[in-house]
Amino acid sequence: MMCFFKNFLDCNSLYSVLIIAIIVWLGIFLYIYRLHKRIKNLEKKFNNKE
């Protein structure tokens, strides 16, 4: 099974680059989403104190 996977990536390097790029973009979007939620919670706390 591992030999098949290695052979596939050797023959189709474009797909491996595409998979890595998708993983990186998903990580960036998840980080921004989580950061947005944290900022929204901080804004709510800040507005409630006033």
C-alpha atoms as a PDB file:
ATOM      1  CA  MET A   1       0.000   0.000   0.000  1.00  0.00           C
ATOM      2  CA  MET A   2       2.789   2.417   0.899  1.00  0.00           C
ATOM      3  CA  CYS A   3       4.614   1.538  -2.305  1.00  0.00           C
ATOM      4  CA  PHE A   4       1.498   2.409  -4.318  1.00  0.00           C
ATOM      5  CA  PHE A   5       1.173   5.749  -2.522  1.00  0.00           C
ATOM      6  CA  LYS A   6       4.848   6.620  -3.063  1.00  0.00           C
ATOM      7  CA  ASN A   7       4.637   5.612  -6.712  1.00  0.00           C
ATOM      8  CA  PHE A   8       1.481   7.707  -7.180  1.00  0.00           C
ATOM      9  CA  LEU A   9       3.152  10.784  -5.698  1.00  0.00           C
ATOM     10  CA  ASP A  10       6.265  10.272  -7.800  1.00  0.00           C
ATOM     11  CA  CYS A  11       4.233  10.102 -10.995  1.00  0.00           C
ATOM     12  CA  ASN A  12       1.759  12.846 -10.071  1.00  0.00           C
ATOM     13  CA  SER A  13       3.780  15.492  -8.272  1.00  0.00           C
ATOM     14  CA  LEU A  14       1.229  18.148  -9.240  1.00  0.00           C
ATOM     15  CA  TYR A  15      -1.391  16.398  -7.096  1.00  0.00           C
ATOM     16  CA  SER A  16       0.935  16.255  -4.110  1.00  0.00           C
ATOM     17  CA  VAL A  17       1.605  19.994  -4.393  1.00  0.00           C
ATOM     18  CA  LEU A  18      -2.127  20.626  -4.727  1.00  0.00           C
ATOM     19  CA  ILE A  19      -2.893  18.551  -1.623  1.00  0.00           C
ATOM     20  CA  ILE A  20      -0.276  20.416   0.407  1.00  0.00           C
ATOM     21  CA  ALA A  21      -1.595  23.790  -0.797  1.00  0.00           C
ATOM     22  CA  ILE A  22      -5.166  22.835   0.153  1.00  0.00           C
ATOM     23  CA  ILE A  23      -4.047  21.731   3.612  1.00  0.00           C
ATOM     24  CA  VAL A  24      -2.178  25.010   4.135  1.00  0.00           C
ATOM     25  CA  TRP A  25      -5.177  27.105   2.995  1.00  0.00           C
ATOM     26  CA  LEU A  26      -7.522  25.133   5.252  1.00  0.00           C
ATOM     27  CA  GLY A  27      -5.190  25.782   8.163  1.00  0.00           C
ATOM     28  CA  ILE A  28      -5.118  29.505   7.414  1.00  0.00           C
ATOM     29  CA  PHE A  29      -8.918  29.697   7.175  1.00  0.00           C
ATOM     30  CA  LEU A  30      -9.376  27.743  10.407  1.00  0.00           C
ATOM     31  CA  TYR A  31      -6.911  30.015  12.197  1.00  0.00           C
ATOM     32  CA  ILE A  32      -8.691  33.160  10.956  1.00  0.00           C
ATOM     33  CA  TYR A  33     -12.089  31.721  11.930  1.00  0.00           C
ATOM     34  CA  ARG A  34     -10.923  30.904  15.455  1.00  0.00           C
ATOM     35  CA  LEU A  35      -9.289  34.313  15.785  1.00  0.00           C
ATOM     36  CA  HIS A  36     -12.518  35.983  14.660  1.00  0.00           C
ATOM     37  CA  LYS A  37     -14.493  34.082  17.309  1.00  0.00           C
ATOM     38  CA  ARG A  38     -12.036  35.099  20.030  1.00  0.00           C
ATOM     39  CA  ILE A  39     -12.139  38.749  18.993  1.00  0.00           C
ATOM     40  CA  LYS A  40     -15.941  38.682  18.927  1.00  0.00           C
ATOM     41  CA  ASN A  41     -15.998  37.264  22.478  1.00  0.00           C
ATOM     42  CA  LEU A  42     -13.564  39.931  23.678  1.00  0.00           C
ATOM     43  CA  GLU A  43     -15.695  42.654  22.090  1.00  0.00           C
ATOM     44  CA  LYS A  44     -18.777  41.304  23.870  1.00  0.00           C
ATOM     45  CA  LYS A  45     -16.956  41.279  27.215  1.00  0.00           C
ATOM     46  CA  PHE A  46     -15.596  44.767  26.631  1.00  0.00           C
ATOM     47  CA  ASN A  47     -19.019  46.164  25.668  1.00  0.00           C
ATOM     48  CA  ASN A  48     -20.710  44.557  28.694  1.00  0.00           C
ATOM     49  CA  LYS A  49     -18.284  46.244  31.101  1.00  0.00           C
ATOM     50  CA  GLU A  50     -19.139  49.709  29.858  1.00  0.00           C
END
